[in-house]
């Protein structure tokens, strides 16, 4: 196991969060007993420390399980934070624009560092499915940071699914399930409003996935969100140009971000992107 103390891990994590995601962790005003309060830096740092400790627990479990089953080739703690945690959490930047994200149940005084919604509605709650999730990327990473996300993980390898269920038990996850099936074996998908996948499919396989999956959305009048981690803008355009027999699909928005761990060796692959597609059945 890589030699990394808990304090070193927490320091690495908070540095990455502040450097890579800081503009989305806004200091919010909140009311306590009818009086406006400001979130202090100390409280904000306590929140991040709380999260970092959970990722440290996950990291240690990942390394331990990785000795017996192939969960990841990324075992260095710094690489784990950058390539797995931060990369996965980039999806929050898109999710916060589409859904109510409220993590104040984790912390005292109703503090909320992602977004504040006074009236969260069931229709706007994230019900996310992560296909080909492996060791839990990005789904488990998102669930640790925001336990209020409803998460269904679909993983065809039983040992990897067992690991996710073990982690879910360790963190006492609510509204979580890992389905140990190949996605194409599911006659109908679980009831979700958002679907993501990261590093499990190449471009050709993503197009096949879109064509074959059976959508199941709580609100049939609204499209399902697809969030795909891609390497090139052209890949998103290729997907959008495809014709599907029973579905229509279009690009809704992009998130492009610096691929820091690339070390700029390949300038053509300096940035990564997450493409948000909308998809629904043809009426």
C-alpha atoms as a PDB file:
ATOM      1  CA  UNK A   1       0.000   0.000   0.000  1.00  0.00           C
ATOM      2  CA  UNK A   2       1.218   3.493  -0.785  1.00  0.00           C
ATOM      3  CA  UNK A   3       2.515   5.342   2.235  1.00  0.00           C
ATOM      4  CA  UNK A   4       0.115   8.214   2.808  1.00  0.00           C
ATOM      5  CA  UNK A   5      -1.049   9.348   6.215  1.00  0.00           C
ATOM      6  CA  UNK A   6      -4.579  10.510   6.858  1.00  0.00           C
ATOM      7  CA  UNK A   7      -3.444  14.103   7.345  1.00  0.00           C
ATOM      8  CA  UNK A   8      -1.427  14.039   4.114  1.00  0.00           C
ATOM      9  CA  UNK A   9      -4.433  12.700   2.216  1.00  0.00           C
ATOM     10  CA  UNK A  10      -6.751  15.353   3.666  1.00  0.00           C
ATOM     11  CA  UNK A  11      -4.267  18.080   2.746  1.00  0.00           C
ATOM     12  CA  UNK A  12      -4.018  16.777  -0.832  1.00  0.00           C
ATOM     13  CA  UNK A  13      -7.785  16.528  -1.138  1.00  0.00           C
ATOM     14  CA  UNK A  14      -8.554  20.028   0.131  1.00  0.00           C
ATOM     15  CA  UNK A  15      -5.855  21.522  -2.103  1.00  0.00           C
ATOM     16  CA  UNK A  16      -7.357  19.860  -5.165  1.00  0.00           C
ATOM     17  CA  UNK A  17     -10.889  20.885  -4.242  1.00  0.00           C
ATOM     18  CA  UNK A  18      -9.872  24.499  -3.722  1.00  0.00           C
ATOM     19  CA  UNK A  19      -7.803  24.617  -6.913  1.00  0.00           C
ATOM     20  CA  UNK A  20     -10.063  22.668  -9.274  1.00  0.00           C
ATOM     21  CA  UNK A  21     -13.623  23.109  -8.002  1.00  0.00           C
ATOM     22  CA  UNK A  22     -13.480  26.279  -5.945  1.00  0.00           C
ATOM     23  CA  UNK A  23     -15.761  28.421  -8.117  1.00  0.00           C
ATOM     24  CA  UNK A  24     -18.621  26.001  -7.512  1.00  0.00           C
ATOM     25  CA  UNK A  25     -18.224  25.877  -3.755  1.00  0.00           C
ATOM     26  CA  UNK A  26     -19.856  29.172  -3.019  1.00  0.00           C
ATOM     27  CA  UNK A  27     -20.065  30.686   0.435  1.00  0.00           C
ATOM     28  CA  UNK A  28     -23.811  30.853   0.907  1.00  0.00           C
ATOM     29  CA  UNK A  29     -25.951  32.869   3.244  1.00  0.00           C
ATOM     30  CA  UNK A  30     -28.378  30.899   5.302  1.00  0.00           C
ATOM     31  CA  UNK A  31     -30.956  31.717   7.933  1.00  0.00           C
ATOM     32  CA  UNK A  32     -30.879  30.509  11.503  1.00  0.00           C
ATOM     33  CA  UNK A  33     -33.727  31.606  13.741  1.00  0.00           C
ATOM     34  CA  UNK A  34     -34.676  34.130  11.066  1.00  0.00           C
ATOM     35  CA  UNK A  35     -31.247  35.789  11.085  1.00  0.00           C
ATOM     36  CA  UNK A  36     -28.913  35.783   8.078  1.00  0.00           C
ATOM     37  CA  UNK A  37     -25.599  34.110   8.797  1.00  0.00           C
ATOM     38  CA  UNK A  38     -22.436  33.853   6.745  1.00  0.00           C
ATOM     39  CA  UNK A  39     -20.569  30.609   6.295  1.00  0.00           C
ATOM     40  CA  UNK A  40     -17.069  31.094   7.645  1.00  0.00           C
ATOM     41  CA  UNK A  41     -13.873  29.700   6.176  1.00  0.00           C
ATOM     42  CA  UNK A  42     -13.501  27.488   9.234  1.00  0.00           C
ATOM     43  CA  UNK A  43     -16.893  25.867   8.676  1.00  0.00           C
ATOM     44  CA  UNK A  44     -16.164  25.482   4.971  1.00  0.00           C
ATOM     45  CA  UNK A  45     -12.846  23.774   5.740  1.00  0.00           C
ATOM     46  CA  UNK A  46     -14.538  21.512   8.288  1.00  0.00           C
ATOM     47  CA  UNK A  47     -16.959  20.409   5.577  1.00  0.00           C
ATOM     48  CA  UNK A  48     -14.102  19.561   3.221  1.00  0.00           C
ATOM     49  CA  UNK A  49     -12.220  17.742   5.971  1.00  0.00           C
ATOM     50  CA  UNK A  50     -15.311  15.654   6.688  1.00  0.00           C
ATOM     51  CA  UNK A  51     -15.508  14.669   3.025  1.00  0.00           C
ATOM     52  CA  UNK A  52     -11.768  14.055   2.755  1.00  0.00           C
ATOM     53  CA  UNK A  53     -11.909  11.619   5.666  1.00  0.00           C
ATOM     54  CA  UNK A  54     -14.579   9.612   3.851  1.00  0.00           C
ATOM     55  CA  UNK A  55     -12.551   9.485   0.655  1.00  0.00           C
ATOM     56  CA  UNK A  56      -9.549   8.389   2.706  1.00  0.00           C
ATOM     57  CA  UNK A  57     -11.581   5.479   4.064  1.00  0.00           C
ATOM     58  CA  UNK A  58     -12.721   4.622   0.547  1.00  0.00           C
ATOM     59  CA  UNK A  59      -9.150   4.832  -0.763  1.00  0.00           C
ATOM     60  CA  UNK A  60      -7.840   2.408   1.866  1.00  0.00           C
ATOM     61  CA  UNK A  61     -10.640  -0.053   1.137  1.00  0.00           C
ATOM     62  CA  UNK A  62     -10.003   0.267  -2.597  1.00  0.00           C
ATOM     63  CA  UNK A  63      -6.310  -0.545  -2.177  1.00  0.00           C
ATOM     64  CA  UNK A  64      -7.085  -3.498   0.105  1.00  0.00           C
ATOM     65  CA  UNK A  65      -9.679  -4.982  -2.260  1.00  0.00           C
ATOM     66  CA  UNK A  66      -7.460  -4.237  -5.246  1.00  0.00           C
ATOM     67  CA  UNK A  67      -4.987  -6.821  -3.987  1.00  0.00           C
ATOM     68  CA  UNK A  68      -7.549  -9.529  -4.702  1.00  0.00           C
ATOM     69  CA  UNK A  69      -9.597  -8.143  -7.590  1.00  0.00           C
ATOM     70  CA  UNK A  70      -8.772  -5.678 -10.346  1.00  0.00           C
ATOM     71  CA  UNK A  71     -10.615  -2.506  -9.379  1.00  0.00           C
ATOM     72  CA  UNK A  72      -8.148   0.095 -10.619  1.00  0.00           C
ATOM     73  CA  UNK A  73      -4.604   0.576 -11.875  1.00  0.00           C
ATOM     74  CA  UNK A  74      -4.488   3.948 -10.112  1.00  0.00           C
ATOM     75  CA  UNK A  75      -3.146   3.368  -6.609  1.00  0.00           C
ATOM     76  CA  UNK A  76      -1.013   6.414  -5.845  1.00  0.00           C
ATOM     77  CA  UNK A  77      -3.024   8.644  -3.450  1.00  0.00           C
ATOM     78  CA  UNK A  78      -2.355  11.834  -5.410  1.00  0.00           C
ATOM     79  CA  UNK A  79      -3.352  10.171  -8.686  1.00  0.00           C
ATOM     80  CA  UNK A  80      -6.417   8.664  -7.023  1.00  0.00           C
ATOM     81  CA  UNK A  81      -7.634  12.078  -5.880  1.00  0.00           C
ATOM     82  CA  UNK A  82      -6.916  13.741  -9.222  1.00  0.00           C
ATOM     83  CA  UNK A  83      -7.977  11.013 -11.655  1.00  0.00           C
ATOM     84  CA  UNK A  84     -10.836   9.385  -9.771  1.00  0.00           C
ATOM     85  CA  UNK A  85     -12.253  11.781  -7.174  1.00  0.00           C
ATOM     86  CA  UNK A  86     -11.844  15.200  -8.801  1.00  0.00           C
ATOM     87  CA  UNK A  87     -12.544  13.895 -12.298  1.00  0.00           C
ATOM     88  CA  UNK A  88     -15.786  12.317 -11.057  1.00  0.00           C
ATOM     89  CA  UNK A  89     -16.824  15.390  -9.072  1.00  0.00           C
ATOM     90  CA  UNK A  90     -16.555  17.533 -12.188  1.00  0.00           C
ATOM     91  CA  UNK A  91     -19.979  16.119 -13.020  1.00  0.00           C
ATOM     92  CA  UNK A  92     -21.417  18.096 -10.086  1.00  0.00           C
ATOM     93  CA  UNK A  93     -20.898  21.263 -12.096  1.00  0.00           C
ATOM     94  CA  UNK A  94     -23.438  20.047 -14.648  1.00  0.00           C
ATOM     95  CA  UNK A  95     -25.768  18.348 -12.194  1.00  0.00           C
ATOM     96  CA  UNK A  96     -26.167  21.521 -10.144  1.00  0.00           C
ATOM     97  CA  UNK A  97     -27.569  23.292 -13.206  1.00  0.00           C
ATOM     98  CA  UNK A  98     -30.227  20.648 -13.842  1.00  0.00           C
ATOM     99  CA  UNK A  99     -31.238  19.392 -10.405  1.00  0.00           C
ATOM    100  CA  UNK A 100     -31.671  20.364  -6.795  1.00  0.00           C
ATOM    101  CA  UNK A 101     -28.403  19.585  -5.048  1.00  0.00           C
ATOM    102  CA  UNK A 102     -28.747  19.911  -1.310  1.00  0.00           C
ATOM    103  CA  UNK A 103     -26.201  18.403   1.056  1.00  0.00           C
ATOM    104  CA  UNK A 104     -27.121  20.355   4.164  1.00  0.00           C
ATOM    105  CA  UNK A 105     -28.356  17.236   5.970  1.00  0.00           C
ATOM    106  CA  UNK A 106     -24.705  16.275   6.441  1.00  0.00           C
ATOM    107  CA  UNK A 107     -23.758  19.374   8.354  1.00  0.00           C
ATOM    108  CA  UNK A 108     -24.902  21.552  11.207  1.00  0.00           C
ATOM    109  CA  UNK A 109     -26.989  24.717  10.929  1.00  0.00           C
ATOM    110  CA  UNK A 110     -28.396  23.862   7.511  1.00  0.00           C
ATOM    111  CA  UNK A 111     -25.155  24.769   5.751  1.00  0.00           C
ATOM    112  CA  UNK A 112     -25.081  24.008   2.061  1.00  0.00           C
ATOM    113  CA  UNK A 113     -21.960  24.548  -0.041  1.00  0.00           C
ATOM    114  CA  UNK A 114     -23.130  23.426  -3.475  1.00  0.00           C
ATOM    115  CA  UNK A 115     -26.475  25.064  -3.971  1.00  0.00           C
ATOM    116  CA  UNK A 116     -29.345  26.142  -1.788  1.00  0.00           C
ATOM    117  CA  UNK A 117     -32.929  25.238  -2.621  1.00  0.00           C
ATOM    118  CA  UNK A 118     -35.685  26.270  -0.240  1.00  0.00           C
ATOM    119  CA  UNK A 119     -38.264  24.080  -1.949  1.00  0.00           C
ATOM    120  CA  UNK A 120     -36.789  20.852  -3.240  1.00  0.00           C
ATOM    121  CA  UNK A 121     -39.281  18.910  -5.332  1.00  0.00           C
ATOM    122  CA  UNK A 122     -39.294  15.190  -6.007  1.00  0.00           C
ATOM    123  CA  UNK A 123     -39.419  15.840  -9.761  1.00  0.00           C
ATOM    124  CA  UNK A 124     -36.132  17.714  -9.581  1.00  0.00           C
ATOM    125  CA  UNK A 125     -34.231  15.287  -7.372  1.00  0.00           C
ATOM    126  CA  UNK A 126     -31.306  13.471  -8.957  1.00  0.00           C
ATOM    127  CA  UNK A 127     -31.985   9.827  -9.707  1.00  0.00           C
ATOM    128  CA  UNK A 128     -28.706   8.838 -11.318  1.00  0.00           C
ATOM    129  CA  UNK A 129     -27.693   5.579 -12.982  1.00  0.00           C
ATOM    130  CA  UNK A 130     -23.983   4.860 -13.464  1.00  0.00           C
ATOM    131  CA  UNK A 131     -23.399   2.233 -16.172  1.00  0.00           C
ATOM    132  CA  UNK A 132     -20.206   0.166 -16.120  1.00  0.00           C
ATOM    133  CA  UNK A 133     -19.240   1.739 -12.819  1.00  0.00           C
ATOM    134  CA  UNK A 134     -16.370  -0.602 -11.909  1.00  0.00           C
ATOM    135  CA  UNK A 135     -14.989   0.460  -8.549  1.00  0.00           C
ATOM    136  CA  UNK A 136     -17.563   3.250  -8.255  1.00  0.00           C
ATOM    137  CA  UNK A 137     -16.411   5.936 -10.668  1.00  0.00           C
ATOM    138  CA  UNK A 138     -18.077   8.374 -10.949  1.00  0.00           C
ATOM    139  CA  UNK A 139     -21.183   7.200  -9.048  1.00  0.00           C
ATOM    140  CA  UNK A 140     -19.772   6.308  -5.634  1.00  0.00           C
ATOM    141  CA  UNK A 141     -17.510   9.375  -5.705  1.00  0.00           C
ATOM    142  CA  UNK A 142     -20.589  11.561  -6.211  1.00  0.00           C
ATOM    143  CA  UNK A 143     -22.587   9.693  -3.576  1.00  0.00           C
ATOM    144  CA  UNK A 144     -19.870  10.153  -0.952  1.00  0.00           C
ATOM    145  CA  UNK A 145     -19.790  13.885  -1.599  1.00  0.00           C
ATOM    146  CA  UNK A 146     -23.544  14.253  -1.909  1.00  0.00           C
ATOM    147  CA  UNK A 147     -25.399  11.454  -0.064  1.00  0.00           C
ATOM    148  CA  UNK A 148     -28.756  12.892  -1.173  1.00  0.00           C
ATOM    149  CA  UNK A 149     -28.235  11.619  -4.733  1.00  0.00           C
ATOM    150  CA  UNK A 150     -30.308   8.539  -5.537  1.00  0.00           C
ATOM    151  CA  UNK A 151     -27.776   6.224  -7.187  1.00  0.00           C
ATOM    152  CA  UNK A 152     -28.213   3.005  -9.131  1.00  0.00           C
ATOM    153  CA  UNK A 153     -24.985   1.412 -10.271  1.00  0.00           C
ATOM    154  CA  UNK A 154     -24.945  -1.168 -13.073  1.00  0.00           C
ATOM    155  CA  UNK A 155     -21.838  -3.366 -13.080  1.00  0.00           C
ATOM    156  CA  UNK A 156     -21.512  -6.691 -14.898  1.00  0.00           C
ATOM    157  CA  UNK A 157     -18.573  -8.025 -12.838  1.00  0.00           C
ATOM    158  CA  UNK A 158     -19.873  -9.459  -9.585  1.00  0.00           C
ATOM    159  CA  UNK A 159     -16.735  -8.826  -7.511  1.00  0.00           C
ATOM    160  CA  UNK A 160     -16.780  -5.136  -8.414  1.00  0.00           C
ATOM    161  CA  UNK A 161     -20.459  -4.936  -7.562  1.00  0.00           C
ATOM    162  CA  UNK A 162     -19.716  -6.641  -4.229  1.00  0.00           C
ATOM    163  CA  UNK A 163     -17.109  -3.974  -3.505  1.00  0.00           C
ATOM    164  CA  UNK A 164     -19.608  -1.200  -4.172  1.00  0.00           C
ATOM    165  CA  UNK A 165     -22.190  -2.815  -1.908  1.00  0.00           C
ATOM    166  CA  UNK A 166     -19.556  -3.187   0.804  1.00  0.00           C
ATOM    167  CA  UNK A 167     -18.733   0.524   0.525  1.00  0.00           C
ATOM    168  CA  UNK A 168     -22.436   1.399   0.582  1.00  0.00           C
ATOM    169  CA  UNK A 169     -22.801  -0.523   3.834  1.00  0.00           C
ATOM    170  CA  UNK A 170     -19.716   1.071   5.342  1.00  0.00           C
ATOM    171  CA  UNK A 171     -21.050   4.577   4.652  1.00  0.00           C
ATOM    172  CA  UNK A 172     -24.663   3.645   5.385  1.00  0.00           C
ATOM    173  CA  UNK A 173     -25.848   4.822   1.982  1.00  0.00           C
ATOM    174  CA  UNK A 174     -29.557   5.335   1.495  1.00  0.00           C
ATOM    175  CA  UNK A 175     -31.208   5.090  -1.918  1.00  0.00           C
ATOM    176  CA  UNK A 176     -28.381   3.049  -3.445  1.00  0.00           C
ATOM    177  CA  UNK A 177     -28.291  -0.208  -5.358  1.00  0.00           C
ATOM    178  CA  UNK A 178     -25.726  -2.028  -7.464  1.00  0.00           C
ATOM    179  CA  UNK A 179     -27.251  -4.221 -10.161  1.00  0.00           C
ATOM    180  CA  UNK A 180     -24.924  -7.061 -11.139  1.00  0.00           C
ATOM    181  CA  UNK A 181     -26.000  -7.357 -14.768  1.00  0.00           C
ATOM    182  CA  UNK A 182     -24.826  -6.466 -18.218  1.00  0.00           C
ATOM    183  CA  UNK A 183     -26.735  -3.340 -19.225  1.00  0.00           C
ATOM    184  CA  UNK A 184     -28.011  -5.035 -22.377  1.00  0.00           C
ATOM    185  CA  UNK A 185     -29.596  -7.806 -20.313  1.00  0.00           C
ATOM    186  CA  UNK A 186     -31.940  -5.352 -18.601  1.00  0.00           C
ATOM    187  CA  UNK A 187     -35.264  -5.352 -20.414  1.00  0.00           C
ATOM    188  CA  UNK A 188     -36.130  -2.038 -18.808  1.00  0.00           C
ATOM    189  CA  UNK A 189     -33.924   0.381 -16.949  1.00  0.00           C
ATOM    190  CA  UNK A 190     -34.616   1.433 -13.362  1.00  0.00           C
ATOM    191  CA  UNK A 191     -36.608   4.631 -12.880  1.00  0.00           C
ATOM    192  CA  UNK A 192     -34.044   7.431 -13.342  1.00  0.00           C
ATOM    193  CA  UNK A 193     -33.770  10.905 -14.810  1.00  0.00           C
ATOM    194  CA  UNK A 194     -30.012  10.933 -15.409  1.00  0.00           C
ATOM    195  CA  UNK A 195     -27.546   8.387 -16.784  1.00  0.00           C
ATOM    196  CA  UNK A 196     -23.759   8.570 -16.761  1.00  0.00           C
ATOM    197  CA  UNK A 197     -20.816   6.431 -17.753  1.00  0.00           C
ATOM    198  CA  UNK A 198     -17.094   7.072 -17.510  1.00  0.00           C
ATOM    199  CA  UNK A 199     -14.319   5.121 -19.233  1.00  0.00           C
ATOM    200  CA  UNK A 200     -16.470   2.007 -19.690  1.00  0.00           C
ATOM    201  CA  UNK A 201     -17.314   2.429 -23.384  1.00  0.00           C
ATOM    202  CA  UNK A 202     -15.558   3.675 -26.489  1.00  0.00           C
ATOM    203  CA  UNK A 203     -17.371   5.942 -28.944  1.00  0.00           C
ATOM    204  CA  UNK A 204     -18.817   3.110 -31.027  1.00  0.00           C
ATOM    205  CA  UNK A 205     -20.030   1.347 -27.892  1.00  0.00           C
ATOM    206  CA  UNK A 206     -21.637   4.547 -26.563  1.00  0.00           C
ATOM    207  CA  UNK A 207     -23.671   4.867 -29.751  1.00  0.00           C
ATOM    208  CA  UNK A 208     -24.769   1.241 -29.407  1.00  0.00           C
ATOM    209  CA  UNK A 209     -25.669   1.868 -25.760  1.00  0.00           C
ATOM    210  CA  UNK A 210     -27.899   4.804 -26.661  1.00  0.00           C
ATOM    211  CA  UNK A 211     -29.617   2.781 -29.360  1.00  0.00           C
ATOM    212  CA  UNK A 212     -30.251  -0.309 -27.222  1.00  0.00           C
ATOM    213  CA  UNK A 213     -31.114   0.935 -23.743  1.00  0.00           C
ATOM    214  CA  UNK A 214     -34.748   1.040 -22.654  1.00  0.00           C
ATOM    215  CA  UNK A 215     -35.410   4.385 -21.028  1.00  0.00           C
ATOM    216  CA  UNK A 216     -37.569   4.590 -17.925  1.00  0.00           C
ATOM    217  CA  UNK A 217     -38.266   8.127 -16.746  1.00  0.00           C
ATOM    218  CA  UNK A 218     -40.624   9.155 -13.957  1.00  0.00           C
ATOM    219  CA  UNK A 219     -41.838  12.091 -16.036  1.00  0.00           C
ATOM    220  CA  UNK A 220     -42.491  10.772 -19.539  1.00  0.00           C
ATOM    221  CA  UNK A 221     -42.861  14.318 -20.874  1.00  0.00           C
ATOM    222  CA  UNK A 222     -39.277  15.178 -19.981  1.00  0.00           C
ATOM    223  CA  UNK A 223     -36.117  13.791 -21.579  1.00  0.00           C
ATOM    224  CA  UNK A 224     -33.497  11.810 -19.683  1.00  0.00           C
ATOM    225  CA  UNK A 225     -30.097  13.437 -19.168  1.00  0.00           C
ATOM    226  CA  UNK A 226     -27.067  11.566 -20.463  1.00  0.00           C
ATOM    227  CA  UNK A 227     -23.685  12.617 -19.052  1.00  0.00           C
ATOM    228  CA  UNK A 228     -20.764  11.128 -20.987  1.00  0.00           C
ATOM    229  CA  UNK A 229     -17.101  11.649 -20.108  1.00  0.00           C
ATOM    230  CA  UNK A 230     -15.400  12.172 -23.473  1.00  0.00           C
ATOM    231  CA  UNK A 231     -11.956  13.140 -24.714  1.00  0.00           C
ATOM    232  CA  UNK A 232     -12.858  15.155 -27.808  1.00  0.00           C
ATOM    233  CA  UNK A 233     -15.552  17.642 -28.780  1.00  0.00           C
ATOM    234  CA  UNK A 234     -15.868  15.821 -32.105  1.00  0.00           C
ATOM    235  CA  UNK A 235     -17.029  12.689 -30.269  1.00  0.00           C
ATOM    236  CA  UNK A 236     -20.055  14.538 -28.928  1.00  0.00           C
ATOM    237  CA  UNK A 237     -20.893  15.820 -32.400  1.00  0.00           C
ATOM    238  CA  UNK A 238     -20.593  12.307 -33.814  1.00  0.00           C
ATOM    239  CA  UNK A 239     -23.054  11.030 -31.212  1.00  0.00           C
ATOM    240  CA  UNK A 240     -25.502  13.858 -31.885  1.00  0.00           C
ATOM    241  CA  UNK A 241     -25.471  13.167 -35.635  1.00  0.00           C
ATOM    242  CA  UNK A 242     -26.553   9.548 -35.189  1.00  0.00           C
ATOM    243  CA  UNK A 243     -30.075   8.499 -36.068  1.00  0.00           C
ATOM    244  CA  UNK A 244     -31.856   6.214 -33.619  1.00  0.00           C
ATOM    245  CA  UNK A 245     -34.953   4.209 -34.453  1.00  0.00           C
ATOM    246  CA  UNK A 246     -37.073   5.148 -31.448  1.00  0.00           C
ATOM    247  CA  UNK A 247     -35.249   8.044 -29.759  1.00  0.00           C
ATOM    248  CA  UNK A 248     -34.260  11.616 -30.387  1.00  0.00           C
ATOM    249  CA  UNK A 249     -31.079  13.044 -28.886  1.00  0.00           C
ATOM    250  CA  UNK A 250     -29.407  16.436 -28.807  1.00  0.00           C
ATOM    251  CA  UNK A 251     -26.536  18.142 -27.015  1.00  0.00           C
ATOM    252  CA  UNK A 252     -27.711  20.344 -24.156  1.00  0.00           C
ATOM    253  CA  UNK A 253     -24.434  21.594 -22.687  1.00  0.00           C
ATOM    254  CA  UNK A 254     -20.724  20.871 -22.259  1.00  0.00           C
ATOM    255  CA  UNK A 255     -18.234  21.094 -19.455  1.00  0.00           C
ATOM    256  CA  UNK A 256     -14.603  21.354 -20.540  1.00  0.00           C
ATOM    257  CA  UNK A 257     -11.849  21.182 -17.939  1.00  0.00           C
ATOM    258  CA  UNK A 258      -8.079  21.049 -17.798  1.00  0.00           C
ATOM    259  CA  UNK A 259      -6.604  17.584 -17.772  1.00  0.00           C
ATOM    260  CA  UNK A 260      -3.959  18.393 -15.163  1.00  0.00           C
ATOM    261  CA  UNK A 261      -2.602  14.889 -14.811  1.00  0.00           C
ATOM    262  CA  UNK A 262      -1.803  14.852 -18.540  1.00  0.00           C
ATOM    263  CA  UNK A 263       1.319  16.922 -17.775  1.00  0.00           C
ATOM    264  CA  UNK A 264       0.807  18.612 -21.147  1.00  0.00           C
ATOM    265  CA  UNK A 265       2.685  15.843 -22.969  1.00  0.00           C
ATOM    266  CA  UNK A 266      -0.029  15.693 -25.588  1.00  0.00           C
ATOM    267  CA  UNK A 267      -1.391  19.149 -26.347  1.00  0.00           C
ATOM    268  CA  UNK A 268      -4.244  17.615 -28.337  1.00  0.00           C
ATOM    269  CA  UNK A 269      -5.471  15.909 -25.180  1.00  0.00           C
ATOM    270  CA  UNK A 270      -4.914  18.773 -22.754  1.00  0.00           C
ATOM    271  CA  UNK A 271      -8.609  19.136 -21.944  1.00  0.00           C
ATOM    272  CA  UNK A 272     -11.348  16.676 -21.093  1.00  0.00           C
ATOM    273  CA  UNK A 273     -15.056  17.207 -21.408  1.00  0.00           C
ATOM    274  CA  UNK A 274     -18.372  15.984 -20.115  1.00  0.00           C
ATOM    275  CA  UNK A 275     -21.176  16.192 -22.644  1.00  0.00           C
ATOM    276  CA  UNK A 276     -24.753  16.527 -21.421  1.00  0.00           C
ATOM    277  CA  UNK A 277     -27.225  15.091 -23.931  1.00  0.00           C
ATOM    278  CA  UNK A 278     -31.009  15.080 -23.691  1.00  0.00           C
ATOM    279  CA  UNK A 279     -32.713  11.931 -24.937  1.00  0.00           C
ATOM    280  CA  UNK A 280     -36.323  10.798 -25.141  1.00  0.00           C
ATOM    281  CA  UNK A 281     -38.516   8.449 -27.100  1.00  0.00           C
ATOM    282  CA  UNK A 282     -40.042   9.705 -30.308  1.00  0.00           C
ATOM    283  CA  UNK A 283     -43.729  10.414 -29.735  1.00  0.00           C
END
